[in-house]
N, C-alpha and C. Protein backbone atom coordinates (compact mmCIF):
# COMPACT_ATOMS: atom_id res chain seq x y z
N MET A 1 95.69 81.41 148.93
CA MET A 1 94.40 81.27 149.69
C MET A 1 93.22 81.85 149.05
N LYS A 2 92.25 81.12 149.03
CA LYS A 2 90.98 81.63 148.38
C LYS A 2 90.05 82.39 149.60
N VAL A 3 90.25 83.59 149.68
CA VAL A 3 89.60 84.24 150.80
C VAL A 3 88.07 84.40 150.69
N PHE A 4 87.55 84.38 149.44
CA PHE A 4 86.20 84.29 149.13
C PHE A 4 85.63 83.08 148.72
N GLU A 5 86.11 82.04 149.26
CA GLU A 5 85.73 80.64 148.85
C GLU A 5 84.11 80.45 148.90
N ASN A 6 83.70 81.10 149.99
CA ASN A 6 82.19 80.94 150.17
C ASN A 6 81.32 81.34 148.96
N LEU A 7 82.00 82.30 148.10
CA LEU A 7 81.20 82.73 146.77
C LEU A 7 80.98 81.60 145.91
N LYS A 8 81.93 80.61 145.84
CA LYS A 8 81.70 79.55 144.85
C LYS A 8 80.57 78.67 145.29
N SER A 9 80.56 78.41 146.66
CA SER A 9 79.37 77.61 147.21
C SER A 9 78.09 78.47 147.05
N LEU A 10 78.09 79.68 147.31
CA LEU A 10 76.83 80.39 147.25
C LEU A 10 76.41 80.41 145.70
N LYS A 11 77.27 80.71 144.79
CA LYS A 11 76.87 80.63 143.33
C LYS A 11 76.36 79.32 142.90
N SER A 12 76.88 78.22 143.27
CA SER A 12 76.50 76.96 142.89
C SER A 12 74.89 76.66 143.57
N ASP A 13 74.72 77.18 144.85
CA ASP A 13 73.44 76.99 145.37
C ASP A 13 72.39 77.82 144.70
N MET A 14 72.77 79.02 144.30
CA MET A 14 71.92 79.93 143.57
C MET A 14 71.50 79.18 142.19
N GLU A 15 72.41 78.82 141.66
CA GLU A 15 72.25 78.18 140.27
C GLU A 15 71.25 76.90 140.38
N ASN A 16 71.56 76.21 141.46
CA ASN A 16 70.66 74.86 141.67
C ASN A 16 69.24 75.36 141.92
N LYS A 17 69.07 76.39 142.60
CA LYS A 17 67.73 76.88 143.06
C LYS A 17 67.01 77.88 142.19
N GLY A 18 67.71 78.04 141.05
CA GLY A 18 67.28 78.98 140.04
C GLY A 18 67.11 80.57 140.41
N TRP A 19 68.12 81.02 141.27
CA TRP A 19 68.10 82.40 141.63
C TRP A 19 69.22 83.16 140.89
N ARG A 20 68.80 84.21 140.43
CA ARG A 20 69.78 85.06 139.67
C ARG A 20 70.49 86.21 140.78
N ILE A 21 69.93 86.38 141.90
CA ILE A 21 70.29 87.33 142.92
C ILE A 21 70.19 86.75 144.17
N ASP A 22 71.06 87.24 145.13
CA ASP A 22 70.85 86.99 146.69
C ASP A 22 71.43 88.29 147.33
N SER A 23 71.32 88.08 148.76
CA SER A 23 71.89 89.24 149.48
C SER A 23 72.38 88.71 150.87
N PHE A 24 73.13 89.63 151.39
CA PHE A 24 73.59 89.43 152.93
C PHE A 24 73.84 90.73 153.37
N LEU A 25 73.98 90.69 154.76
CA LEU A 25 74.13 92.08 155.40
C LEU A 25 75.72 92.05 155.81
N PHE A 26 76.06 93.38 155.90
CA PHE A 26 77.59 93.54 156.08
C PHE A 26 77.69 94.87 156.93
N THR A 27 78.48 94.81 157.94
CA THR A 27 78.72 95.95 158.75
C THR A 27 80.10 96.26 158.72
N TYR A 28 80.52 97.53 158.55
CA TYR A 28 82.01 97.88 158.55
C TYR A 28 82.05 99.28 159.08
N LYS A 29 82.89 99.49 160.12
CA LYS A 29 83.00 100.80 160.72
C LYS A 29 81.65 101.51 161.22
N GLN A 30 80.95 100.53 161.72
CA GLN A 30 79.55 100.96 162.05
C GLN A 30 78.59 101.50 161.08
N GLN A 31 78.98 101.16 159.76
CA GLN A 31 78.09 101.52 158.64
C GLN A 31 77.36 100.16 158.17
N GLU A 32 76.16 100.15 158.11
CA GLU A 32 75.35 98.89 157.68
C GLU A 32 75.23 98.96 156.18
N PHE A 33 75.53 97.85 155.51
CA PHE A 33 75.46 97.62 154.08
C PHE A 33 74.48 96.42 153.76
N ILE A 34 73.77 96.53 152.68
CA ILE A 34 73.03 95.38 152.10
C ILE A 34 74.05 95.04 150.82
N VAL A 35 74.49 93.80 150.72
CA VAL A 35 75.32 93.37 149.63
C VAL A 35 74.54 92.42 148.70
N LEU A 36 74.27 92.84 147.52
CA LEU A 36 73.65 91.98 146.50
C LEU A 36 74.71 91.02 145.83
N VAL A 37 74.34 89.83 145.68
CA VAL A 37 75.27 88.96 144.97
C VAL A 37 74.56 88.47 143.61
N LYS A 38 75.24 88.87 142.53
CA LYS A 38 74.38 88.77 141.26
C LYS A 38 75.07 87.96 140.25
N LEU A 39 74.33 86.85 139.71
CA LEU A 39 75.07 86.11 138.70
C LEU A 39 75.14 86.92 137.35
N TYR A 40 76.10 86.61 136.62
CA TYR A 40 76.22 87.28 135.23
C TYR A 40 75.27 86.54 134.28
N SER A 41 74.65 87.21 133.36
CA SER A 41 73.96 86.62 132.28
C SER A 41 75.03 85.99 131.26
N GLU A 42 74.55 85.35 130.47
CA GLU A 42 75.66 84.81 129.40
C GLU A 42 76.15 85.83 128.41
N THR A 43 75.27 87.00 128.24
CA THR A 43 75.63 87.97 127.41
C THR A 43 76.34 89.21 128.16
N ALA A 44 76.43 89.10 129.39
CA ALA A 44 77.00 90.18 130.22
C ALA A 44 78.43 90.46 129.88
N ARG A 45 78.92 91.68 129.93
CA ARG A 45 80.31 91.98 129.89
C ARG A 45 80.81 91.99 131.32
N LYS A 46 81.99 91.23 131.46
CA LYS A 46 82.48 91.06 132.72
C LYS A 46 84.17 90.97 132.70
N PRO A 47 84.77 91.26 133.74
CA PRO A 47 86.31 91.04 133.64
C PRO A 47 86.53 89.44 133.55
N ASP A 48 87.67 89.18 133.00
CA ASP A 48 88.10 87.78 132.79
C ASP A 48 88.26 87.20 134.24
N TYR A 49 87.74 85.98 134.45
CA TYR A 49 87.82 85.38 135.65
C TYR A 49 86.83 85.69 136.67
N ALA A 50 86.11 86.72 136.46
CA ALA A 50 85.06 87.13 137.41
C ALA A 50 84.07 86.10 137.60
N LEU A 51 83.63 85.81 138.86
CA LEU A 51 82.73 84.75 139.10
C LEU A 51 81.34 85.23 139.21
N LEU A 52 81.03 86.40 139.95
CA LEU A 52 79.82 87.06 139.99
C LEU A 52 79.94 88.56 140.33
N GLU A 53 78.98 89.26 140.51
CA GLU A 53 78.95 90.62 140.82
C GLU A 53 78.48 91.07 142.21
N LEU A 54 79.26 91.71 142.99
CA LEU A 54 78.73 92.15 144.33
C LEU A 54 78.28 93.74 144.24
N GLU A 55 77.20 94.02 144.73
CA GLU A 55 76.72 95.47 144.76
C GLU A 55 76.50 95.79 146.27
N PHE A 56 77.30 96.78 146.69
CA PHE A 56 77.15 97.18 148.05
C PHE A 56 76.20 98.40 147.98
N LEU A 57 75.29 98.41 148.91
CA LEU A 57 74.33 99.46 148.95
C LEU A 57 74.39 99.87 150.63
N LYS A 58 74.45 101.27 150.79
CA LYS A 58 74.32 101.62 152.12
C LYS A 58 72.89 101.52 152.55
N LYS A 59 72.76 100.92 153.75
CA LYS A 59 71.47 100.65 154.14
C LYS A 59 70.36 101.78 154.25
N ASP A 60 70.98 102.95 154.43
CA ASP A 60 70.07 104.09 154.62
C ASP A 60 69.92 104.89 153.36
N ASN A 61 70.61 104.37 152.26
CA ASN A 61 70.60 105.20 151.02
C ASN A 61 71.00 104.19 149.87
N PHE A 62 70.13 103.70 149.18
CA PHE A 62 70.50 102.58 148.15
C PHE A 62 71.08 103.28 147.00
N THR A 63 71.01 104.60 146.77
CA THR A 63 71.65 105.23 145.62
C THR A 63 73.07 105.38 145.89
N ASP A 64 73.61 105.22 147.11
CA ASP A 64 75.00 105.24 147.37
C ASP A 64 75.57 103.68 147.47
N ASN A 65 75.95 103.42 146.21
CA ASN A 65 76.36 102.01 145.88
C ASN A 65 77.74 101.87 145.32
N LEU A 66 78.13 100.60 145.27
CA LEU A 66 79.45 100.29 144.79
C LEU A 66 79.38 98.91 144.02
N ILE A 67 79.64 98.88 142.84
CA ILE A 67 79.60 97.45 142.02
C ILE A 67 80.91 96.91 141.95
N VAL A 68 81.05 95.74 142.41
CA VAL A 68 82.47 95.18 142.33
C VAL A 68 82.32 93.72 141.92
N PRO A 69 82.92 93.38 140.68
CA PRO A 69 83.13 92.05 140.21
C PRO A 69 83.96 91.14 141.18
N ALA A 70 83.70 90.07 141.31
CA ALA A 70 84.43 89.23 142.31
C ALA A 70 84.65 87.67 142.01
N ASN A 71 85.66 87.01 142.38
CA ASN A 71 85.74 85.63 142.38
C ASN A 71 86.22 85.13 143.75
N SER A 72 86.55 83.86 143.83
CA SER A 72 86.92 83.33 145.07
C SER A 72 88.28 83.79 145.76
N VAL A 73 88.94 84.51 144.85
CA VAL A 73 90.36 84.88 145.26
C VAL A 73 90.39 86.54 145.62
N LYS A 74 89.70 87.24 144.68
CA LYS A 74 89.80 88.81 144.80
C LYS A 74 88.54 89.55 144.58
N LEU A 75 88.64 90.82 144.72
CA LEU A 75 87.63 91.80 144.30
C LEU A 75 88.29 92.53 143.07
N PHE A 76 87.51 92.67 141.96
CA PHE A 76 88.15 93.30 140.85
C PHE A 76 87.87 94.97 141.11
N ILE A 77 88.67 95.61 141.79
CA ILE A 77 88.44 96.97 141.99
C ILE A 77 89.84 97.61 142.43
N ASP A 78 90.08 98.73 141.96
CA ASP A 78 91.11 99.50 142.44
C ASP A 78 91.23 99.97 143.95
N ALA A 79 92.18 99.96 144.47
CA ALA A 79 92.40 100.16 145.86
C ALA A 79 91.82 101.51 146.37
N LYS A 80 92.03 102.64 145.47
CA LYS A 80 91.56 103.85 145.87
C LYS A 80 90.00 103.98 145.83
N THR A 81 89.37 103.32 144.87
CA THR A 81 87.76 103.41 144.73
C THR A 81 87.39 102.69 146.10
N LEU A 82 87.90 101.54 146.45
CA LEU A 82 87.50 100.74 147.61
C LEU A 82 87.72 101.52 148.84
N ARG A 83 88.81 102.13 148.86
CA ARG A 83 89.27 102.80 150.23
C ARG A 83 88.21 104.07 150.42
N THR A 84 87.91 104.70 149.29
CA THR A 84 87.19 105.86 149.34
C THR A 84 85.76 105.46 149.80
N TYR A 85 85.18 104.33 149.21
CA TYR A 85 83.67 104.01 149.54
C TYR A 85 83.66 103.57 150.93
N PHE A 86 84.57 102.81 151.50
CA PHE A 86 84.44 102.35 152.74
C PHE A 86 85.24 103.01 153.71
N ASN A 87 85.73 104.30 153.46
CA ASN A 87 86.35 105.21 154.29
C ASN A 87 87.57 104.59 154.92
N ILE A 88 88.38 103.80 154.06
CA ILE A 88 89.64 103.17 154.77
C ILE A 88 90.66 104.18 154.58
N GLU A 89 91.39 104.42 155.80
CA GLU A 89 92.40 105.35 155.99
C GLU A 89 93.66 104.99 155.09
N TYR A 90 94.32 105.91 154.37
CA TYR A 90 95.40 105.66 153.61
C TYR A 90 96.73 105.46 154.55
N GLY A 91 97.57 104.59 154.29
CA GLY A 91 98.70 104.46 155.04
C GLY A 91 99.74 103.51 154.38
N GLU A 92 100.96 103.53 154.87
CA GLU A 92 102.08 102.73 154.32
C GLU A 92 101.73 101.21 154.18
N ASN A 93 100.92 100.90 155.25
CA ASN A 93 100.53 99.37 155.20
C ASN A 93 99.16 99.20 154.56
N LEU A 94 98.77 99.99 153.56
CA LEU A 94 97.41 99.90 153.04
C LEU A 94 97.19 98.47 152.51
N GLY A 95 98.28 97.92 151.87
CA GLY A 95 98.06 96.49 151.42
C GLY A 95 97.56 95.55 152.57
N ILE A 96 98.14 95.58 153.68
CA ILE A 96 97.80 94.73 154.63
C ILE A 96 96.30 95.02 155.13
N ILE A 97 96.02 96.40 155.16
CA ILE A 97 94.71 96.87 155.59
C ILE A 97 93.56 96.28 154.61
N LEU A 98 93.95 96.33 153.39
CA LEU A 98 92.93 95.79 152.44
C LEU A 98 92.75 94.36 152.51
N GLN A 99 93.95 93.72 152.63
CA GLN A 99 93.84 92.19 153.03
C GLN A 99 92.86 91.80 154.24
N GLN A 100 93.12 92.80 155.27
CA GLN A 100 92.24 92.54 156.39
C GLN A 100 90.87 92.90 156.17
N PHE A 101 90.41 93.81 155.23
CA PHE A 101 89.11 94.13 154.91
C PHE A 101 88.60 92.93 154.26
N ASN A 102 89.25 92.37 153.13
CA ASN A 102 88.85 91.17 152.45
C ASN A 102 88.36 90.07 153.40
N GLY A 103 89.36 89.83 154.34
CA GLY A 103 89.17 88.65 155.26
C GLY A 103 87.85 89.03 156.18
N PHE A 104 87.71 90.16 156.51
CA PHE A 104 86.53 90.62 157.35
C PHE A 104 85.24 90.43 156.46
N LEU A 105 85.26 90.95 155.39
CA LEU A 105 84.10 90.82 154.43
C LEU A 105 83.68 89.28 154.28
N ALA A 106 84.73 88.44 153.95
CA ALA A 106 84.50 87.13 153.80
C ALA A 106 83.75 86.40 154.93
N THR A 107 83.82 86.89 156.22
CA THR A 107 83.19 86.28 157.23
C THR A 107 81.59 86.40 157.13
N PHE A 108 81.26 87.39 156.42
CA PHE A 108 79.65 87.80 156.18
C PHE A 108 79.03 86.96 155.12
N ILE A 109 79.96 86.39 154.27
CA ILE A 109 79.36 85.85 152.98
C ILE A 109 78.88 84.35 153.32
N PRO A 110 77.57 84.20 153.11
CA PRO A 110 76.91 82.90 153.33
C PRO A 110 77.44 81.85 152.23
N THR A 111 77.28 80.59 152.62
CA THR A 111 77.51 79.58 151.54
C THR A 111 76.39 79.02 150.91
N TYR A 112 75.16 79.53 151.26
CA TYR A 112 73.98 79.07 150.53
C TYR A 112 72.93 80.11 150.53
N LYS A 113 71.97 79.94 149.59
CA LYS A 113 70.87 81.00 149.40
C LYS A 113 69.94 80.87 150.53
N LYS A 114 69.87 81.96 151.37
CA LYS A 114 68.81 81.84 152.53
C LYS A 114 67.51 82.53 151.99
N GLU A 115 66.39 81.84 152.39
CA GLU A 115 65.11 82.28 152.01
C GLU A 115 64.59 83.38 152.64
N GLN A 116 64.83 83.49 154.01
CA GLN A 116 64.37 84.55 154.83
C GLN A 116 65.13 85.90 154.61
N LYS A 117 64.43 86.96 154.26
CA LYS A 117 65.11 88.17 154.07
C LYS A 117 64.43 89.32 154.77
N SER A 118 65.21 90.29 155.17
CA SER A 118 64.57 91.53 155.94
C SER A 118 63.88 92.34 154.87
N GLY A 119 63.01 93.22 155.31
CA GLY A 119 62.17 93.95 154.46
C GLY A 119 63.02 94.91 153.49
N LEU A 120 64.21 95.38 154.06
CA LEU A 120 65.12 96.21 153.20
C LEU A 120 65.87 95.51 152.18
N GLU A 121 66.28 94.15 152.67
CA GLU A 121 66.89 93.37 151.67
C GLU A 121 65.97 93.00 150.50
N LYS A 122 64.55 92.81 150.86
CA LYS A 122 63.71 92.40 149.76
C LYS A 122 63.57 93.54 148.78
N LYS A 123 63.53 94.76 149.35
CA LYS A 123 63.26 95.94 148.55
C LYS A 123 64.61 96.18 147.66
N ALA A 124 65.74 95.84 148.19
CA ALA A 124 66.97 96.14 147.39
C ALA A 124 67.12 95.09 146.32
N ILE A 125 66.65 93.94 146.51
CA ILE A 125 66.82 92.86 145.58
C ILE A 125 65.65 93.24 144.47
N SER A 126 64.51 93.42 144.82
CA SER A 126 63.38 93.92 143.96
C SER A 126 63.77 94.99 142.99
N HIS A 127 64.42 95.90 143.66
CA HIS A 127 64.96 97.06 142.85
C HIS A 127 65.90 96.67 141.69
N SER A 128 66.83 95.82 142.13
CA SER A 128 67.80 95.35 141.16
C SER A 128 67.19 94.48 140.10
N LEU A 129 66.30 93.56 140.52
CA LEU A 129 65.64 92.65 139.60
C LEU A 129 64.75 93.59 138.39
N SER A 130 64.02 94.63 138.99
CA SER A 130 63.20 95.45 138.12
C SER A 130 64.15 96.18 137.24
N ARG A 131 65.29 96.69 137.52
CA ARG A 131 66.15 97.37 136.61
C ARG A 131 66.58 96.42 135.57
N SER A 132 67.02 95.28 136.01
CA SER A 132 67.44 94.28 135.05
C SER A 132 66.51 93.92 134.06
N ASP A 133 65.26 93.88 134.49
CA ASP A 133 64.09 93.56 133.53
C ASP A 133 63.49 94.81 132.77
N GLY A 134 64.17 95.96 132.88
CA GLY A 134 63.64 97.06 132.23
C GLY A 134 62.36 97.55 132.74
N ASP A 135 62.05 97.37 133.99
CA ASP A 135 60.78 97.73 134.70
C ASP A 135 61.12 98.86 135.77
N ASP A 136 59.96 99.56 136.17
CA ASP A 136 60.01 100.42 137.29
C ASP A 136 60.34 99.68 138.65
N PRO A 137 61.37 100.15 139.30
CA PRO A 137 61.70 99.59 140.50
C PRO A 137 60.75 99.82 141.63
N GLU A 138 59.91 100.82 141.53
CA GLU A 138 58.95 101.06 142.56
C GLU A 138 57.76 100.01 142.32
N LYS A 139 57.75 99.14 141.27
CA LYS A 139 56.62 98.21 141.20
C LYS A 139 56.81 96.97 142.02
N ILE A 140 56.15 96.91 143.24
CA ILE A 140 56.35 95.85 144.24
C ILE A 140 55.12 95.09 144.51
N TYR A 141 54.02 95.73 144.18
CA TYR A 141 52.66 95.24 144.57
C TYR A 141 52.12 94.37 143.41
N CYS A 142 51.95 93.08 143.61
CA CYS A 142 51.42 92.12 142.81
C CYS A 142 49.99 92.22 142.57
N PHE A 143 49.39 92.31 141.34
CA PHE A 143 48.02 92.22 141.16
C PHE A 143 47.40 91.35 140.20
N ALA A 144 48.35 90.50 139.56
CA ALA A 144 47.83 89.51 138.53
C ALA A 144 48.92 88.84 138.11
N VAL A 145 48.67 87.61 137.40
CA VAL A 145 49.49 86.85 136.58
C VAL A 145 48.86 86.78 135.23
N LYS A 146 49.69 86.65 134.22
CA LYS A 146 49.10 86.53 132.78
C LYS A 146 49.99 85.64 131.96
N ARG A 147 49.30 85.10 131.06
CA ARG A 147 49.89 84.22 129.97
C ARG A 147 50.60 84.94 129.00
N ASN A 148 51.99 84.69 128.72
CA ASN A 148 52.74 85.43 127.84
C ASN A 148 52.29 85.34 126.40
N ARG A 149 52.59 86.36 125.64
CA ARG A 149 52.33 86.33 124.25
C ARG A 149 52.74 85.19 123.47
N VAL A 150 52.16 84.87 122.55
CA VAL A 150 52.57 83.80 121.41
C VAL A 150 53.68 84.35 120.46
N LYS A 151 54.81 83.58 120.39
CA LYS A 151 55.90 84.11 119.63
C LYS A 151 55.65 83.72 118.17
N ALA A 152 56.49 84.04 117.24
CA ALA A 152 56.38 83.86 115.86
C ALA A 152 56.37 82.26 115.54
N ASP A 153 57.05 81.49 116.36
CA ASP A 153 57.07 80.09 116.11
C ASP A 153 55.80 79.40 116.64
N GLY A 154 54.90 80.14 117.29
CA GLY A 154 53.54 79.55 117.64
C GLY A 154 53.60 79.11 119.16
N THR A 155 54.79 79.21 119.89
CA THR A 155 54.94 78.88 121.22
C THR A 155 54.74 80.18 122.08
N TYR A 156 54.43 79.90 123.39
CA TYR A 156 54.32 81.02 124.34
C TYR A 156 55.69 81.44 124.77
N GLY A 157 55.86 82.89 124.94
CA GLY A 157 57.15 83.31 125.53
C GLY A 157 57.36 82.98 126.94
N GLU A 158 58.46 82.84 127.42
CA GLU A 158 58.96 82.43 128.84
C GLU A 158 58.96 83.61 129.68
N ARG A 159 58.68 83.50 130.94
CA ARG A 159 58.72 84.43 131.98
C ARG A 159 60.33 84.73 132.14
N SER A 160 60.69 86.02 132.19
CA SER A 160 62.19 86.35 132.36
C SER A 160 62.63 85.82 133.68
N PRO A 161 63.98 85.53 133.78
CA PRO A 161 64.50 85.09 135.03
C PRO A 161 64.37 86.25 136.16
N PHE A 162 64.42 87.37 135.78
CA PHE A 162 64.11 88.58 136.80
C PHE A 162 62.76 88.52 137.19
N ASN A 163 61.76 88.45 136.36
CA ASN A 163 60.36 88.36 136.86
C ASN A 163 60.07 87.15 137.62
N ASP A 164 60.73 86.04 137.28
CA ASP A 164 60.63 84.78 138.11
C ASP A 164 61.15 85.07 139.57
N ASN A 165 62.25 85.46 139.55
CA ASN A 165 62.89 85.83 140.89
C ASN A 165 62.05 86.88 141.73
N LYS A 166 61.58 87.96 141.02
CA LYS A 166 60.79 88.85 141.82
C LYS A 166 59.48 88.29 142.39
N ALA A 167 58.85 87.33 141.62
CA ALA A 167 57.60 86.66 141.95
C ALA A 167 57.95 85.82 143.15
N ARG A 168 58.96 85.01 143.19
CA ARG A 168 59.39 84.10 144.26
C ARG A 168 59.71 85.01 145.52
N LEU A 169 60.12 86.26 145.35
CA LEU A 169 60.46 87.05 146.44
C LEU A 169 59.23 87.54 147.08
N TRP A 170 58.23 88.07 146.37
CA TRP A 170 57.12 88.68 146.86
C TRP A 170 55.91 87.86 147.01
N ARG A 171 55.74 86.84 146.09
CA ARG A 171 54.43 86.00 146.02
C ARG A 171 54.96 84.49 145.92
N LYS A 172 55.67 84.02 146.91
CA LYS A 172 56.19 82.71 146.87
C LYS A 172 54.90 81.63 146.89
N ASP A 173 53.93 81.91 147.65
CA ASP A 173 52.68 81.04 147.81
C ASP A 173 52.10 80.83 146.42
N VAL A 174 51.79 81.99 145.77
CA VAL A 174 51.06 81.96 144.34
C VAL A 174 52.06 81.27 143.45
N TYR A 175 53.35 81.55 143.51
CA TYR A 175 54.42 80.96 142.61
C TYR A 175 54.24 79.51 142.77
N ASP A 176 54.34 78.93 143.95
CA ASP A 176 54.16 77.47 144.23
C ASP A 176 52.94 76.89 143.87
N LYS A 177 51.74 77.53 144.18
CA LYS A 177 50.40 76.96 143.94
C LYS A 177 50.13 76.95 142.32
N LEU A 178 50.75 77.85 141.60
CA LEU A 178 50.66 77.77 140.16
C LEU A 178 51.72 76.83 139.47
N ASP A 179 52.53 76.25 140.24
CA ASP A 179 53.61 75.31 139.78
C ASP A 179 54.49 76.05 138.88
N CYS A 180 54.93 77.27 139.20
CA CYS A 180 55.70 77.88 138.41
C CYS A 180 57.21 77.56 137.93
N ARG A 181 57.65 76.56 138.89
CA ARG A 181 58.82 75.89 138.54
C ARG A 181 58.86 75.21 137.29
N ASN A 182 57.68 74.68 136.99
CA ASN A 182 57.45 73.88 135.70
C ASN A 182 56.69 74.78 134.65
N GLU A 183 55.84 75.64 135.08
CA GLU A 183 55.01 76.51 134.18
C GLU A 183 55.81 77.80 133.92
N LYS A 184 56.57 77.94 132.78
CA LYS A 184 57.46 78.97 132.41
C LYS A 184 56.76 79.99 131.58
N HIS A 185 55.49 79.98 131.24
CA HIS A 185 54.87 80.75 130.25
C HIS A 185 53.92 81.83 130.81
N ILE A 186 53.84 82.00 132.09
CA ILE A 186 53.17 83.00 132.81
C ILE A 186 54.05 83.92 133.47
N SER A 187 53.71 85.16 133.50
CA SER A 187 54.47 86.30 134.18
C SER A 187 53.68 86.87 135.28
N PHE A 188 54.29 87.40 136.14
CA PHE A 188 53.58 88.19 137.31
C PHE A 188 53.67 89.67 136.95
N CYS A 189 52.37 90.34 137.37
CA CYS A 189 52.37 91.83 137.10
C CYS A 189 52.34 92.50 138.24
N PHE A 190 53.07 93.53 138.36
CA PHE A 190 53.36 94.38 139.57
C PHE A 190 52.98 95.79 139.29
N SER A 191 52.53 96.51 140.31
CA SER A 191 52.23 97.92 140.29
C SER A 191 52.98 98.62 141.32
N LYS A 192 53.18 99.85 141.19
CA LYS A 192 53.94 100.86 142.27
C LYS A 192 52.78 101.42 143.11
N ASN A 193 51.34 101.11 142.67
CA ASN A 193 50.27 101.58 143.59
C ASN A 193 49.93 100.50 144.52
N PRO A 194 50.08 100.76 145.88
CA PRO A 194 49.67 99.73 146.84
C PRO A 194 48.15 99.35 146.75
N GLU A 195 47.34 100.35 146.29
CA GLU A 195 45.84 100.09 146.32
C GLU A 195 45.61 99.03 145.14
N GLU A 196 46.36 98.84 144.21
CA GLU A 196 46.21 97.95 143.21
C GLU A 196 46.54 96.52 143.59
N GLU A 197 47.12 96.25 144.61
CA GLU A 197 47.62 94.97 145.04
C GLU A 197 46.50 94.12 145.34
N LYS A 198 46.58 92.79 145.06
CA LYS A 198 45.58 91.73 145.19
C LYS A 198 46.21 90.69 146.29
N THR A 199 45.28 90.13 146.97
CA THR A 199 45.73 89.03 147.79
C THR A 199 46.01 87.74 146.86
N ASP A 200 46.71 86.72 147.63
CA ASP A 200 47.05 85.52 146.90
C ASP A 200 45.81 84.93 146.35
N GLU A 201 44.74 84.95 147.16
CA GLU A 201 43.54 84.16 146.72
C GLU A 201 42.84 84.96 145.55
N GLU A 202 42.91 86.24 145.65
CA GLU A 202 42.27 87.03 144.44
C GLU A 202 43.04 86.70 143.11
N ILE A 203 44.37 86.58 143.23
CA ILE A 203 45.23 86.42 142.02
C ILE A 203 44.99 85.04 141.51
N ILE A 204 44.89 84.14 142.31
CA ILE A 204 44.75 82.71 141.86
C ILE A 204 43.37 82.59 141.42
N TYR A 205 42.36 83.20 142.05
CA TYR A 205 40.94 83.16 141.57
C TYR A 205 40.71 83.72 140.17
N ASN A 206 41.30 84.83 139.92
CA ASN A 206 41.25 85.61 138.66
C ASN A 206 41.94 84.76 137.58
N TRP A 207 43.07 84.25 137.91
CA TRP A 207 43.72 83.50 136.89
C TRP A 207 43.06 82.27 136.43
N THR A 208 42.42 81.63 137.51
CA THR A 208 41.67 80.34 137.20
C THR A 208 40.37 80.70 136.40
N SER A 209 39.70 81.86 136.77
CA SER A 209 38.52 82.30 135.98
C SER A 209 38.79 82.62 134.56
N ASN A 210 40.02 83.34 134.41
CA ASN A 210 40.48 83.75 133.07
C ASN A 210 40.62 82.47 132.24
N ARG A 211 41.27 81.44 132.86
CA ARG A 211 41.63 80.22 132.12
C ARG A 211 40.45 79.53 131.42
N LYS A 212 39.32 79.72 132.30
CA LYS A 212 38.05 78.94 131.84
C LYS A 212 37.59 79.50 130.53
N VAL A 213 37.82 80.75 130.35
CA VAL A 213 37.24 81.48 129.11
C VAL A 213 38.20 81.55 127.98
N GLU A 214 39.42 80.99 128.19
CA GLU A 214 40.37 81.07 127.05
C GLU A 214 40.02 80.17 126.00
């Protein structure tokens, strides 16, 4: 039985829509979690047969996390680590309890990428995307878009998939208006200072004005 069958559908939908990361909410023993669903990059190290990576974050403390590779059949984690993180009591029937945990978790996993996210989910996703892109996780305030540098072969560099997803998360209207699904050579600039944030209209106006003088 493929208890996590929904992960296959979710992964396929994420890939079709160009998302590297998604999230869903999970509640266990009155503790609320944000679960990040992350696709592996081509160069990432991963267990054999792992489909994607789940990162559990306690809703009130993102630093209290647990990273678990997974596929449609199992979680790639030892029982003790899982039991400790989720405060699962030890007993002679531990195997059955863990099966029940997996079945319960599976009921929360969506089959497709949902666009609407809570504020905490957006912050958790953004934090992960920034880390993956080597950027400051606190930078969530968009203030500009820029043309990427010219590479040695004379072509413009492409926006990273992490910057792409972060832009879609925080500034979807700007992303759509600049046709960023097809325009891969501009990146979005973020600051951790809210006073530097610009409106959608300001960002688009400044981009358009700069284009005229290029």
